[in-house]
Amino acid sequence: MLNRLVYLVMAGTMTLVGLTFILHYFSDVLPLASTEPQLVWRFEMAFLLTAAQWTALSVVTLGWIAVVVITWKSMRTRTPM
């Protein structure tokens, strides 16, 4: 269980880093075949990338909280009082 959570957190972190990189450095990329004005496409794509970025951030945060709680509970059960 703990290994899967750590892998989930690592994959979410890599996704978050990738989305942040795309949003930061390629914000002016145009589609190959676009009939819409440039600004409409940029706003829609920026919204989708930002939503994916926030989703990845929430997955990473909840995953780390779960890892900390599982680790803390397992340490508590092993330590005699």
PDB file of N, CA and C in Angstrom:
ATOM      1  N   MET A   1       0.824  -1.196   0.000  1.00  0.00           N
ATOM      2  CA  MET A   1       0.000   0.000   0.000  1.00  0.00           C
ATOM      3  C   MET A   1       0.865   1.255   0.000  1.00  0.00           C
ATOM      4  N   LEU A   2       1.875   1.252   0.873  1.00  0.00           N
ATOM      5  CA  LEU A   2       2.739   2.423   0.982  1.00  0.00           C
ATOM      6  C   LEU A   2       3.553   2.624  -0.298  1.00  0.00           C
ATOM      7  N   ASN A   3       4.011   1.512  -0.894  1.00  0.00           N
ATOM      8  CA  ASN A   3       4.761   1.636  -2.152  1.00  0.00           C
ATOM      9  C   ASN A   3       3.912   2.241  -3.256  1.00  0.00           C
ATOM     10  N   ARG A   4       2.662   1.833  -3.346  1.00  0.00           N
ATOM     11  CA  ARG A   4       1.770   2.375  -4.378  1.00  0.00           C
ATOM     12  C   ARG A   4       1.514   3.856  -4.164  1.00  0.00           C
ATOM     13  N   LEU A   5       1.368   4.254  -2.910  1.00  0.00           N
ATOM     14  CA  LEU A   5       1.158   5.672  -2.632  1.00  0.00           C
ATOM     15  C   LEU A   5       2.386   6.499  -2.987  1.00  0.00           C
ATOM     16  N   VAL A   6       3.551   5.970  -2.694  1.00  0.00           N
ATOM     17  CA  VAL A   6       4.781   6.694  -3.039  1.00  0.00           C
ATOM     18  C   VAL A   6       4.916   6.809  -4.550  1.00  0.00           C
ATOM     19  N   TYR A   7       4.605   5.736  -5.277  1.00  0.00           N
ATOM     20  CA  TYR A   7       4.644   5.804  -6.740  1.00  0.00           C
ATOM     21  C   TYR A   7       3.617   6.798  -7.279  1.00  0.00           C
ATOM     22  N   LEU A   8       2.444   6.833  -6.676  1.00  0.00           N
ATOM     23  CA  LEU A   8       1.418   7.795  -7.085  1.00  0.00           C
ATOM     24  C   LEU A   8       1.893   9.224  -6.859  1.00  0.00           C
ATOM     25  N   VAL A   9       2.514   9.465  -5.722  1.00  0.00           N
ATOM     26  CA  VAL A   9       3.020  10.806  -5.423  1.00  0.00           C
ATOM     27  C   VAL A   9       4.139  11.176  -6.392  1.00  0.00           C
ATOM     28  N   MET A  10       5.021  10.242  -6.701  1.00  0.00           N
ATOM     29  CA  MET A  10       6.108  10.531  -7.639  1.00  0.00           C
ATOM     30  C   MET A  10       5.569  10.823  -9.040  1.00  0.00           C
ATOM     31  N   ALA A  11       4.605  10.045  -9.493  1.00  0.00           N
ATOM     32  CA  ALA A  11       4.012  10.279 -10.816  1.00  0.00           C
ATOM     33  C   ALA A  11       3.253  11.604 -10.845  1.00  0.00           C
ATOM     34  N   GLY A  12       2.543  11.906  -9.771  1.00  0.00           N
ATOM     35  CA  GLY A  12       1.844  13.186  -9.700  1.00  0.00           C
ATOM     36  C   GLY A  12       2.793  14.362  -9.679  1.00  0.00           C
ATOM     37  N   THR A  13       3.917  14.208  -8.994  1.00  0.00           N
ATOM     38  CA  THR A  13       4.910  15.282  -8.955  1.00  0.00           C
ATOM     39  C   THR A  13       5.520  15.513 -10.328  1.00  0.00           C
ATOM     40  N   MET A  14       5.817  14.432 -11.040  1.00  0.00           N
ATOM     41  CA  MET A  14       6.367  14.582 -12.389  1.00  0.00           C
ATOM     42  C   MET A  14       5.348  15.215 -13.337  1.00  0.00           C
ATOM     43  N   THR A  15       4.087  14.854 -13.197  1.00  0.00           N
ATOM     44  CA  THR A  15       3.037  15.476 -13.997  1.00  0.00           C
ATOM     45  C   THR A  15       2.926  16.961 -13.678  1.00  0.00           C
ATOM     46  N   LEU A  16       2.977  17.284 -12.399  1.00  0.00           N
ATOM     47  CA  LEU A  16       2.905  18.689 -11.979  1.00  0.00           C
ATOM     48  C   LEU A  16       4.082  19.490 -12.522  1.00  0.00           C
ATOM     49  N   VAL A  17       5.266  18.922 -12.461  1.00  0.00           N
ATOM     50  CA  VAL A  17       6.449  19.612 -12.991  1.00  0.00           C
ATOM     51  C   VAL A  17       6.313  19.801 -14.499  1.00  0.00           C
ATOM     52  N   GLY A  18       5.853  18.784 -15.200  1.00  0.00           N
ATOM     53  CA  GLY A  18       5.673  18.896 -16.648  1.00  0.00           C
ATOM     54  C   GLY A  18       4.648  19.953 -17.035  1.00  0.00           C
ATOM     55  N   LEU A  19       3.528  19.976 -16.338  1.00  0.00           N
ATOM     56  CA  LEU A  19       2.501  20.984 -16.635  1.00  0.00           C
ATOM     57  C   LEU A  19       2.989  22.392 -16.309  1.00  0.00           C
ATOM     58  N   THR A  20       3.719  22.530 -15.210  1.00  0.00           N
ATOM     59  CA  THR A  20       4.260  23.843 -14.853  1.00  0.00           C
ATOM     60  C   THR A  20       5.259  24.306 -15.903  1.00  0.00           C
ATOM     61  N   PHE A  21       6.088  23.385 -16.385  1.00  0.00           N
ATOM     62  CA  PHE A  21       7.054  23.722 -17.433  1.00  0.00           C
ATOM     63  C   PHE A  21       6.343  24.169 -18.703  1.00  0.00           C
ATOM     64  N   ILE A  22       5.313  23.436 -19.092  1.00  0.00           N
ATOM     65  CA  ILE A  22       4.562  23.797 -20.304  1.00  0.00           C
ATOM     66  C   ILE A  22       3.905  25.159 -20.142  1.00  0.00           C
ATOM     67  N   LEU A  23       3.274  25.400 -19.011  1.00  0.00           N
ATOM     68  CA  LEU A  23       2.595  26.682 -18.807  1.00  0.00           C
ATOM     69  C   LEU A  23       3.582  27.844 -18.730  1.00  0.00           C
ATOM     70  N   HIS A  24       4.753  27.590 -18.208  1.00  0.00           N
ATOM     71  CA  HIS A  24       5.707  28.684 -18.033  1.00  0.00           C
ATOM     72  C   HIS A  24       6.447  29.026 -19.325  1.00  0.00           C
ATOM     73  N   TYR A  25       6.887  28.010 -20.059  1.00  0.00           N
ATOM     74  CA  TYR A  25       7.757  28.270 -21.202  1.00  0.00           C
ATOM     75  C   TYR A  25       7.066  28.221 -22.558  1.00  0.00           C
ATOM     76  N   PHE A  26       5.937  27.542 -22.684  1.00  0.00           N
ATOM     77  CA  PHE A  26       5.270  27.435 -23.971  1.00  0.00           C
ATOM     78  C   PHE A  26       3.873  28.038 -23.920  1.00  0.00           C
ATOM     79  N   SER A  27       3.739  29.195 -23.362  1.00  0.00           N
ATOM     80  CA  SER A  27       2.417  29.799 -23.239  1.00  0.00           C
ATOM     81  C   SER A  27       1.915  30.395 -24.551  1.00  0.00           C
ATOM     82  N   ASP A  28       2.796  30.584 -25.529  1.00  0.00           N
ATOM     83  CA  ASP A  28       2.374  31.192 -26.787  1.00  0.00           C
ATOM     84  C   ASP A  28       2.364  30.206 -27.955  1.00  0.00           C
ATOM     85  N   VAL A  29       2.241  28.922 -27.690  1.00  0.00           N
ATOM     86  CA  VAL A  29       2.209  27.908 -28.740  1.00  0.00           C
ATOM     87  C   VAL A  29       0.869  27.970 -29.464  1.00  0.00           C
ATOM     88  N   LEU A  30       0.917  27.935 -30.789  1.00  0.00           N
ATOM     89  CA  LEU A  30      -0.301  27.973 -31.599  1.00  0.00           C
ATOM     90  C   LEU A  30      -0.650  26.568 -32.071  1.00  0.00           C
ATOM     91  N   PRO A  31      -1.930  26.273 -32.267  1.00  0.00           N
ATOM     92  CA  PRO A  31      -2.305  24.960 -32.824  1.00  0.00           C
ATOM     93  C   PRO A  31      -1.904  24.879 -34.294  1.00  0.00           C
ATOM     94  N   LEU A  32      -1.762  23.663 -34.788  1.00  0.00           N
ATOM     95  CA  LEU A  32      -1.343  23.488 -36.182  1.00  0.00           C
ATOM     96  C   LEU A  32      -2.436  23.873 -37.162  1.00  0.00           C
ATOM     97  N   ALA A  33      -3.679  23.506 -36.885  1.00  0.00           N
ATOM     98  CA  ALA A  33      -4.795  23.810 -37.773  1.00  0.00           C
ATOM     99  C   ALA A  33      -5.900  24.461 -36.951  1.00  0.00           C
ATOM    100  N   SER A  34      -5.809  25.737 -36.794  1.00  0.00           N
ATOM    101  CA  SER A  34      -6.791  26.446 -35.976  1.00  0.00           C
ATOM    102  C   SER A  34      -7.542  27.443 -36.831  1.00  0.00           C
ATOM    103  N   THR A  35      -8.861  27.404 -36.739  1.00  0.00           N
ATOM    104  CA  THR A  35      -9.679  28.392 -37.444  1.00  0.00           C
ATOM    105  C   THR A  35     -10.161  29.481 -36.502  1.00  0.00           C
ATOM    106  N   GLU A  36      -9.953  29.286 -35.201  1.00  0.00           N
ATOM    107  CA  GLU A  36     -10.370  30.280 -34.216  1.00  0.00           C
ATOM    108  C   GLU A  36      -9.281  31.326 -34.039  1.00  0.00           C
ATOM    109  N   PRO A  37      -9.664  32.477 -33.525  1.00  0.00           N
ATOM    110  CA  PRO A  37      -8.636  33.479 -33.225  1.00  0.00           C
ATOM    111  C   PRO A  37      -7.641  32.948 -32.191  1.00  0.00           C
ATOM    112  N   GLN A  38      -6.455  33.505 -32.223  1.00  0.00           N
ATOM    113  CA  GLN A  38      -5.377  33.018 -31.378  1.00  0.00           C
ATOM    114  C   GLN A  38      -5.703  33.154 -29.894  1.00  0.00           C
ATOM    115  N   LEU A  39      -6.297  34.240 -29.477  1.00  0.00           N
ATOM    116  CA  LEU A  39      -6.528  34.467 -28.056  1.00  0.00           C
ATOM    117  C   LEU A  39      -7.524  33.487 -27.457  1.00  0.00           C
ATOM    118  N   VAL A  40      -8.560  33.113 -28.203  1.00  0.00           N
ATOM    119  CA  VAL A  40      -9.555  32.175 -27.692  1.00  0.00           C
ATOM    120  C   VAL A  40      -8.900  30.829 -27.429  1.00  0.00           C
ATOM    121  N   TRP A  41      -8.101  30.363 -28.373  1.00  0.00           N
ATOM    122  CA  TRP A  41      -7.421  29.083 -28.208  1.00  0.00           C
ATOM    123  C   TRP A  41      -6.463  29.127 -27.022  1.00  0.00           C
ATOM    124  N   ARG A  42      -5.738  30.225 -26.868  1.00  0.00           N
ATOM    125  CA  ARG A  42      -4.779  30.348 -25.768  1.00  0.00           C
ATOM    126  C   ARG A  42      -5.487  30.334 -24.424  1.00  0.00           C
ATOM    127  N   PHE A  43      -6.609  31.031 -24.321  1.00  0.00           N
ATOM    128  CA  PHE A  43      -7.330  31.053 -23.050  1.00  0.00           C
ATOM    129  C   PHE A  43      -7.910  29.684 -22.704  1.00  0.00           C
ATOM    130  N   GLU A  44      -8.471  28.989 -23.698  1.00  0.00           N
ATOM    131  CA  GLU A  44      -9.036  27.664 -23.449  1.00  0.00           C
ATOM    132  C   GLU A  44      -7.951  26.663 -23.049  1.00  0.00           C
ATOM    133  N   MET A  45      -6.828  26.678 -23.750  1.00  0.00           N
ATOM    134  CA  MET A  45      -5.750  25.756 -23.431  1.00  0.00           C
ATOM    135  C   MET A  45      -5.113  26.104 -22.082  1.00  0.00           C
ATOM    136  N   ALA A  46      -4.979  27.377 -21.799  1.00  0.00           N
ATOM    137  CA  ALA A  46      -4.428  27.776 -20.501  1.00  0.00           C
ATOM    138  C   ALA A  46      -5.350  27.339 -19.373  1.00  0.00           C
ATOM    139  N   PHE A  47      -6.664  27.417 -19.592  1.00  0.00           N
ATOM    140  CA  PHE A  47      -7.610  26.963 -18.575  1.00  0.00           C
ATOM    141  C   PHE A  47      -7.486  25.466 -18.341  1.00  0.00           C
ATOM    142  N   LEU A  48      -7.412  24.681 -19.424  1.00  0.00           N
ATOM    143  CA  LEU A  48      -7.301  23.226 -19.283  1.00  0.00           C
ATOM    144  C   LEU A  48      -5.988  22.812 -18.619  1.00  0.00           C
ATOM    145  N   LEU A  49      -4.896  23.460 -18.998  1.00  0.00           N
ATOM    146  CA  LEU A  49      -3.611  23.139 -18.378  1.00  0.00           C
ATOM    147  C   LEU A  49      -3.578  23.540 -16.910  1.00  0.00           C
ATOM    148  N   THR A  50      -4.179  24.671 -16.586  1.00  0.00           N
ATOM    149  CA  THR A  50      -4.214  25.106 -15.193  1.00  0.00           C
ATOM    150  C   THR A  50      -5.091  24.182 -14.356  1.00  0.00           C
ATOM    151  N   ALA A  51      -6.206  23.740 -14.921  1.00  0.00           N
ATOM    152  CA  ALA A  51      -7.063  22.795 -14.197  1.00  0.00           C
ATOM    153  C   ALA A  51      -6.333  21.470 -13.971  1.00  0.00           C
ATOM    154  N   ALA A  52      -5.603  21.003 -14.969  1.00  0.00           N
ATOM    155  CA  ALA A  52      -4.825  19.773 -14.804  1.00  0.00           C
ATOM    156  C   ALA A  52      -3.708  19.968 -13.777  1.00  0.00           C
ATOM    157  N   GLN A  53      -3.129  21.156 -13.751  1.00  0.00           N
ATOM    158  CA  GLN A  53      -2.073  21.456 -12.779  1.00  0.00           C
ATOM    159  C   GLN A  53      -2.628  21.437 -11.347  1.00  0.00           C
ATOM    160  N   TRP A  54      -3.766  22.034 -11.138  1.00  0.00           N
ATOM    161  CA  TRP A  54      -4.378  22.031  -9.807  1.00  0.00           C
ATOM    162  C   TRP A  54      -4.796  20.631  -9.390  1.00  0.00           C
ATOM    163  N   THR A  55      -5.285  19.834 -10.346  1.00  0.00           N
ATOM    164  CA  THR A  55      -5.656  18.459 -10.043  1.00  0.00           C
ATOM    165  C   THR A  55      -4.429  17.643  -9.638  1.00  0.00           C
ATOM    166  N   ALA A  56      -3.337  17.807 -10.364  1.00  0.00           N
ATOM    167  CA  ALA A  56      -2.104  17.100 -10.016  1.00  0.00           C
ATOM    168  C   ALA A  56      -1.587  17.547  -8.653  1.00  0.00           C
ATOM    169  N   LEU A  57      -1.694  18.826  -8.356  1.00  0.00           N
ATOM    170  CA  LEU A  57      -1.264  19.329  -7.052  1.00  0.00           C
ATOM    171  C   LEU A  57      -2.096  18.731  -5.929  1.00  0.00           C
ATOM    172  N   SER A  58      -3.393  18.604  -6.130  1.00  0.00           N
ATOM    173  CA  SER A  58      -4.239  18.012  -5.086  1.00  0.00           C
ATOM    174  C   SER A  58      -3.952  16.527  -4.908  1.00  0.00           C
ATOM    175  N   VAL A  59      -3.679  15.813  -6.000  1.00  0.00           N
ATOM    176  CA  VAL A  59      -3.329  14.391  -5.892  1.00  0.00           C
ATOM    177  C   VAL A  59      -2.028  14.222  -5.118  1.00  0.00           C
ATOM    178  N   VAL A  60      -1.034  15.051  -5.415  1.00  0.00           N
ATOM    179  CA  VAL A  60       0.248  14.973  -4.710  1.00  0.00           C
ATOM    180  C   VAL A  60       0.072  15.299  -3.230  1.00  0.00           C
ATOM    181  N   THR A  61      -0.696  16.324  -2.936  1.00  0.00           N
ATOM    182  CA  THR A  61      -0.895  16.719  -1.543  1.00  0.00           C
ATOM    183  C   THR A  61      -1.622  15.632  -0.756  1.00  0.00           C
ATOM    184  N   LEU A  62      -2.701  15.123  -1.302  1.00  0.00           N
ATOM    185  CA  LEU A  62      -3.440  14.062  -0.606  1.00  0.00           C
ATOM    186  C   LEU A  62      -2.612  12.780  -0.486  1.00  0.00           C
ATOM    187  N   GLY A  63      -1.803  12.495  -1.496  1.00  0.00           N
ATOM    188  CA  GLY A  63      -0.941  11.322  -1.432  1.00  0.00           C
ATOM    189  C   GLY A  63       0.106  11.444  -0.333  1.00  0.00           C
ATOM    190  N   TRP A  64       0.721  12.615  -0.218  1.00  0.00           N
ATOM    191  CA  TRP A  64       1.718  12.805   0.840  1.00  0.00           C
ATOM    192  C   TRP A  64       1.083  12.764   2.221  1.00  0.00           C
ATOM    193  N   ILE A  65      -0.099  13.303   2.339  1.00  0.00           N
ATOM    194  CA  ILE A  65      -0.802  13.227   3.633  1.00  0.00           C
ATOM    195  C   ILE A  65      -1.074  11.772   3.986  1.00  0.00           C
ATOM    196  N   ALA A  66      -1.487  10.980   3.012  1.00  0.00           N
ATOM    197  CA  ALA A  66      -1.752   9.560   3.269  1.00  0.00           C
ATOM    198  C   ALA A  66      -0.469   8.822   3.647  1.00  0.00           C
ATOM    199  N   VAL A  67       0.645   9.135   2.974  1.00  0.00           N
ATOM    200  CA  VAL A  67       1.925   8.500   3.305  1.00  0.00           C
ATOM    201  C   VAL A  67       2.340   8.847   4.727  1.00  0.00           C
ATOM    202  N   VAL A  68       2.204  10.101   5.113  1.00  0.00           N
ATOM    203  CA  VAL A  68       2.581  10.524   6.463  1.00  0.00           C
ATOM    204  C   VAL A  68       1.696   9.851   7.505  1.00  0.00           C
ATOM    205  N   VAL A  69       0.405   9.791   7.257  1.00  0.00           N
ATOM    206  CA  VAL A  69      -0.509   9.176   8.221  1.00  0.00           C
ATOM    207  C   VAL A  69      -0.228   7.687   8.362  1.00  0.00           C
ATOM    208  N   ILE A  70      -0.021   6.987   7.255  1.00  0.00           N
ATOM    209  CA  ILE A  70       0.265   5.553   7.326  1.00  0.00           C
ATOM    210  C   ILE A  70       1.577   5.306   8.051  1.00  0.00           C
ATOM    211  N   THR A  71       2.587   6.104   7.751  1.00  0.00           N
ATOM    212  CA  THR A  71       3.874   5.939   8.427  1.00  0.00           C
ATOM    213  C   THR A  71       3.748   6.233   9.910  1.00  0.00           C
ATOM    214  N   TRP A  72       3.034   7.264  10.263  1.00  0.00           N
ATOM    215  CA  TRP A  72       2.870   7.641  11.676  1.00  0.00           C
ATOM    216  C   TRP A  72       2.099   6.564  12.440  1.00  0.00           C
ATOM    217  N   LYS A  73       1.047   6.034  11.815  1.00  0.00           N
ATOM    218  CA  LYS A  73       0.265   4.983  12.477  1.00  0.00           C
ATOM    219  C   LYS A  73       1.081   3.705  12.646  1.00  0.00           C
ATOM    220  N   SER A  74       1.889   3.365  11.658  1.00  0.00           N
ATOM    221  CA  SER A  74       2.682   2.149  11.787  1.00  0.00           C
ATOM    222  C   SER A  74       3.771   2.321  12.838  1.00  0.00           C
ATOM    223  N   MET A  75       4.315   3.515  12.990  1.00  0.00           N
ATOM    224  CA  MET A  75       5.298   3.761  14.041  1.00  0.00           C
ATOM    225  C   MET A  75       4.647   3.701  15.411  1.00  0.00           C
ATOM    226  N   ARG A  76       3.420   4.186  15.527  1.00  0.00           N
ATOM    227  CA  ARG A  76       2.706   4.170  16.801  1.00  0.00           C
ATOM    228  C   ARG A  76       2.394   2.763  17.247  1.00  0.00           C
ATOM    229  N   THR A  77       2.052   1.879  16.335  1.00  0.00           N
ATOM    230  CA  THR A  77       1.701   0.514  16.708  1.00  0.00           C
ATOM    231  C   THR A  77       2.942  -0.296  17.088  1.00  0.00           C
ATOM    232  N   ARG A  78       4.092   0.044  16.562  1.00  0.00           N
ATOM    233  CA  ARG A  78       5.328  -0.672  16.877  1.00  0.00           C
ATOM    234  C   ARG A  78       5.944  -0.243  18.195  1.00  0.00           C
ATOM    235  N   THR A  79       5.741   1.022  18.584  1.00  0.00           N
ATOM    236  CA  THR A  79       6.379   1.548  19.788  1.00  0.00           C
ATOM    237  C   THR A  79       5.577   1.140  21.018  1.00  0.00           C
ATOM    238  N   PRO A  80       6.209   0.467  22.005  1.00  0.00           N
ATOM    239  CA  PRO A  80       5.481   0.121  23.221  1.00  0.00           C
ATOM    240  C   PRO A  80       5.290   1.345  24.114  1.00  0.00           C
ATOM    241  N   MET A  81       4.173   1.397  24.789  1.00  0.00           N
ATOM    242  CA  MET A  81       3.895   2.554  25.643  1.00  0.00           C
ATOM    243  C   MET A  81       4.274   2.328  27.058  1.00  0.00           C
TER     244      MET A  81
END
